[in-house]
C-alpha atoms as a PDB file:
ATOM      1  CA  MET A   1      96.055  36.519  92.038  1.00  0.00           C
ATOM      2  CA  ILE A   2      94.835  34.820  88.885  1.00  0.00           C
ATOM      3  CA  ASP A   3      92.090  36.376  86.702  1.00  0.00           C
ATOM      4  CA  PHE A   4      89.408  33.781  86.168  1.00  0.00           C
ATOM      5  CA  THR A   5      88.528  33.112  82.483  1.00  0.00           C
ATOM      6  CA  LYS A   6      85.719  31.322  80.696  1.00  0.00           C
ATOM      7  CA  ASN A   7      88.137  28.370  80.255  1.00  0.00           C
ATOM      8  CA  ASP A   8      88.579  27.920  83.995  1.00  0.00           C
ATOM      9  CA  ASP A   9      86.457  25.472  85.978  1.00  0.00           C
ATOM     10  CA  LEU A  10      85.684  26.965  89.415  1.00  0.00           C
ATOM     11  CA  ASN A  11      84.681  23.651  90.905  1.00  0.00           C
ATOM     12  CA  LYS A  12      88.010  22.086  89.795  1.00  0.00           C
ATOM     13  CA  ILE A  13      89.960  25.058  91.209  1.00  0.00           C
ATOM     14  CA  ILE A  14      88.216  24.611  94.549  1.00  0.00           C
ATOM     15  CA  SER A  15      88.637  20.844  94.668  1.00  0.00           C
ATOM     16  CA  ASP A  16      92.264  20.779  93.455  1.00  0.00           C
ATOM     17  CA  ASN A  17      93.589  23.244  96.002  1.00  0.00           C
ATOM     18  CA  ILE A  18      93.790  22.768  99.793  1.00  0.00           C
ATOM     19  CA  ILE A  19      93.026  26.489 100.273  1.00  0.00           C
ATOM     20  CA  ALA A  20      91.498  28.685  97.580  1.00  0.00           C
ATOM     21  CA  ILE A  21      90.564  32.347  97.877  1.00  0.00           C
ATOM     22  CA  ILE A  22      87.965  33.520  95.412  1.00  0.00           C
ATOM     23  CA  GLN A  23      87.238  37.223  95.029  1.00  0.00           C
ATOM     24  CA  TYR A  24      84.294  38.551  93.019  1.00  0.00           C
ATOM     25  CA  GLY A  25      84.398  42.172  91.855  1.00  0.00           C
ATOM     26  CA  THR A  26      83.429  44.605  89.184  1.00  0.00           C
ATOM     27  CA  ALA A  27      85.425  47.073  87.073  1.00  0.00           C
ATOM     28  CA  THR A  28      83.810  50.073  88.705  1.00  0.00           C
ATOM     29  CA  CYS A  29      84.207  48.870  92.319  1.00  0.00           C
ATOM     30  CA  MET A  30      87.129  50.711  93.879  1.00  0.00           C
ATOM     31  CA  PRO A  31      87.157  48.503  97.041  1.00  0.00           C
ATOM     32  CA  CYS A  32      87.303  45.469  94.680  1.00  0.00           C
ATOM     33  CA  HIS A  33      90.560  46.758  93.132  1.00  0.00           C
ATOM     34  CA  SER A  34      92.018  47.531  96.567  1.00  0.00           C
ATOM     35  CA  ILE A  35      91.164  44.038  97.846  1.00  0.00           C
ATOM     36  CA  LYS A  36      92.614  42.366  94.709  1.00  0.00           C
ATOM     37  CA  ASN A  37      95.852  44.293  95.102  1.00  0.00           C
ATOM     38  CA  ARG A  38      96.087  43.463  98.831  1.00  0.00           C
ATOM     39  CA  ILE A  39      95.490  39.740  98.206  1.00  0.00           C
ATOM     40  CA  THR A  40      98.029  39.766  95.412  1.00  0.00           C
ATOM     41  CA  THR A  41     100.615  41.319  97.727  1.00  0.00           C
ATOM     42  CA  TRP A  42      99.722  39.003 100.580  1.00  0.00           C
ATOM     43  CA  GLN A  43     100.012  36.032  98.290  1.00  0.00           C
ATOM     44  CA  GLU A  44     103.705  36.745  97.673  1.00  0.00           C
ATOM     45  CA  ASP A  45     104.348  35.362 101.176  1.00  0.00           C
ATOM     46  CA  HIS A  46     101.713  32.591 100.831  1.00  0.00           C
ATOM     47  CA  LYS A  47     102.534  30.950  97.498  1.00  0.00           C
ATOM     48  CA  ASP A  48     100.857  27.695  98.631  1.00  0.00           C
ATOM     49  CA  ILE A  49      97.463  29.389  98.589  1.00  0.00           C
ATOM     50  CA  THR A  50      95.574  29.775  95.328  1.00  0.00           C
ATOM     51  CA  ALA A  51      93.695  33.024  94.746  1.00  0.00           C
ATOM     52  CA  TYR A  52      91.372  33.896  91.829  1.00  0.00           C
ATOM     53  CA  TYR A  53      89.598  37.107  90.854  1.00  0.00           C
ATOM     54  CA  ILE A  54      86.225  36.644  89.143  1.00  0.00           C
ATOM     55  CA  SER A  55      84.817  39.584  87.231  1.00  0.00           C
ATOM     56  CA  LEU A  56      81.089  39.745  87.834  1.00  0.00           C
ATOM     57  CA  GLU A  57      80.501  41.464  84.481  1.00  0.00           C
ATOM     58  CA  GLU A  58      82.120  38.591  82.634  1.00  0.00           C
ATOM     59  CA  ASN A  59      80.858  35.755  84.784  1.00  0.00           C
ATOM     60  CA  MET A  60      77.323  36.606  85.796  1.00  0.00           C
ATOM     61  CA  GLU A  61      76.151  32.931  85.453  1.00  0.00           C
ATOM     62  CA  ILE A  62      78.776  31.708  87.920  1.00  0.00           C
ATOM     63  CA  ALA A  63      77.920  34.481  90.357  1.00  0.00           C
ATOM     64  CA  ALA A  64      74.235  33.725  90.113  1.00  0.00           C
ATOM     65  CA  GLN A  65      74.806  29.996  90.643  1.00  0.00           C
ATOM     66  CA  ARG A  66      76.801  30.756  93.756  1.00  0.00           C
ATOM     67  CA  GLY A  67      74.420  33.377  95.143  1.00  0.00           C
ATOM     68  CA  ILE A  68      76.870  36.274  94.782  1.00  0.00           C
ATOM     69  CA  LEU A  69      74.719  39.384  94.875  1.00  0.00           C
ATOM     70  CA  SER A  70      77.196  42.147  95.675  1.00  0.00           C
ATOM     71  CA  ALA A  71      80.766  43.229  95.194  1.00  0.00           C
ATOM     72  CA  PRO A  72      83.191  42.925  96.695  1.00  0.00           C
ATOM     73  CA  THR A  73      82.724  39.307  97.861  1.00  0.00           C
ATOM     74  CA  VAL A  74      85.523  37.136  99.100  1.00  0.00           C
ATOM     75  CA  GLU A  75      85.149  33.377  99.613  1.00  0.00           C
ATOM     76  CA  VAL A  76      87.710  31.042 101.191  1.00  0.00           C
ATOM     77  CA  TYR A  77      87.476  27.323 100.487  1.00  0.00           C
ATOM     78  CA  ILE A  78      89.435  24.907 102.697  1.00  0.00           C
ATOM     79  CA  GLU A  79      89.664  21.328 101.470  1.00  0.00           C
ATOM     80  CA  GLY A  80      86.794  21.954  99.042  1.00  0.00           C
ATOM     81  CA  ARG A  81      84.398  23.433 101.630  1.00  0.00           C
ATOM     82  CA  LEU A  82      83.212  27.045 101.808  1.00  0.00           C
ATOM     83  CA  SER A  83      84.739  28.267 105.107  1.00  0.00           C
ATOM     84  CA  ILE A  84      84.440  32.017 104.845  1.00  0.00           C
ATOM     85  CA  GLN A  85      82.184  34.227 102.732  1.00  0.00           C
ATOM     86  CA  LYS A  86      82.142  37.993 103.214  1.00  0.00           C
ATOM     87  CA  SER A  87      80.477  40.652 101.082  1.00  0.00           C
ATOM     88  CA  GLY A  88      80.306  44.463 101.169  1.00  0.00           C
ATOM     89  CA  TYR A  89      82.157  45.938 104.127  1.00  0.00           C
ATOM     90  CA  PHE A  90      84.440  43.481 105.890  1.00  0.00           C
ATOM     91  CA  SER A  91      87.909  43.133 107.366  1.00  0.00           C
ATOM     92  CA  LEU A  92      90.205  41.603 104.780  1.00  0.00           C
ATOM     93  CA  ASP A  93      93.006  41.566 107.371  1.00  0.00           C
ATOM     94  CA  GLU A  94      90.835  39.300 109.555  1.00  0.00           C
ATOM     95  CA  ILE A  95      90.175  36.940 106.682  1.00  0.00           C
ATOM     96  CA  LEU A  96      93.829  36.739 105.640  1.00  0.00           C
ATOM     97  CA  GLU A  97      94.926  36.183 109.256  1.00  0.00           C
ATOM     98  CA  LYS A  98      92.501  33.245 109.559  1.00  0.00           C
ATOM     99  CA  VAL A  99      93.721  31.778 106.299  1.00  0.00           C
ATOM    100  CA  SER A 100      97.358  32.152 107.401  1.00  0.00           C
ATOM    101  CA  THR A 101      96.647  30.407 110.665  1.00  0.00           C
ATOM    102  CA  VAL A 102      94.843  27.494 108.987  1.00  0.00           C
ATOM    103  CA  SER A 103      97.578  27.189 106.381  1.00  0.00           C
ATOM    104  CA  GLU A 104     100.284  26.993 109.094  1.00  0.00           C
ATOM    105  CA  GLN A 105      98.269  24.455 111.056  1.00  0.00           C
ATOM    106  CA  MET A 106      97.858  22.289 107.914  1.00  0.00           C
ATOM    107  CA  LYS A 107     101.590  22.494 107.154  1.00  0.00           C
ATOM    108  CA  LYS A 108     102.439  21.338 110.672  1.00  0.00           C
ATOM    109  CA  LYS A 109      99.902  18.515 110.431  1.00  0.00           C
ATOM    110  CA  ASN A 110     101.397  17.530 107.088  1.00  0.00           C
ATOM    111  CA  GLU A 111     104.906  17.553 108.500  1.00  0.00           C
ATOM    112  CA  ARG A 112     103.885  15.337 111.467  1.00  0.00           C
ATOM    113  CA  PHE A 113     102.209  12.941 108.976  1.00  0.00           C
ATOM    114  CA  LYS A 114     105.454  12.740 106.957  1.00  0.00           C
ATOM    115  CA  VAL A 115     107.410  11.997 110.148  1.00  0.00           C
ATOM    116  CA  ILE A 116     105.010   9.229 111.119  1.00  0.00           C
ATOM    117  CA  ILE A 117     105.219   7.682 107.616  1.00  0.00           C
ATOM    118  CA  PHE A 118     108.989   7.866 107.675  1.00  0.00           C
ATOM    119  CA  GLU A 119     109.169   6.293 111.122  1.00  0.00           C
ATOM    120  CA  SER A 120     106.820   3.515 110.024  1.00  0.00           C
ATOM    121  CA  LEU A 121     108.860   2.809 106.891  1.00  0.00           C
ATOM    122  CA  LEU A 122     112.048   2.786 108.922  1.00  0.00           C
ATOM    123  CA  LEU A 123     110.570   0.277 111.329  1.00  0.00           C
ATOM    124  CA  LEU A 124     109.509  -1.905 108.440  1.00  0.00           C
ATOM    125  CA  VAL A 125     112.974  -1.838 106.950  1.00  0.00           C
ATOM    126  CA  ILE A 126     114.595  -2.627 110.341  1.00  0.00           C
ATOM    127  CA  ASP A 127     112.072  -5.502 110.801  1.00  0.00           C
ATOM    128  CA  LEU A 128     112.941  -6.889 107.342  1.00  0.00           C
ATOM    129  CA  PHE A 129     116.635  -6.964 108.041  1.00  0.00           C
ATOM    130  CA  CYS A 130     116.538  -8.171 111.610  1.00  0.00           C
END
């Protein structure tokens, strides 16, 4: 999990990544630390998914712009759209399971697309030489 800094552009992070998990937390929030650690561990097996931790103390303006009123808050963006937003007491396992499922579906879809492109190119090459 990457710690968000003032130099980062949240909109760019969201738009540049197929799936992005954003966690908002505070230094005094024990559940926030636990969630951050669990996402970091989970991410070891899901390196294709970007995850950022945003400190509310250091980024109040961003939190206010996004309507984040409490910690912990976890948001999941899929293809630039807010798909999940949970605050307070929630099941992180449920969120991560949903993200894993979507990620696997997207990988399969991408693989099928690659096969279709390859087959199309192969047919073009055959057509050119026959």
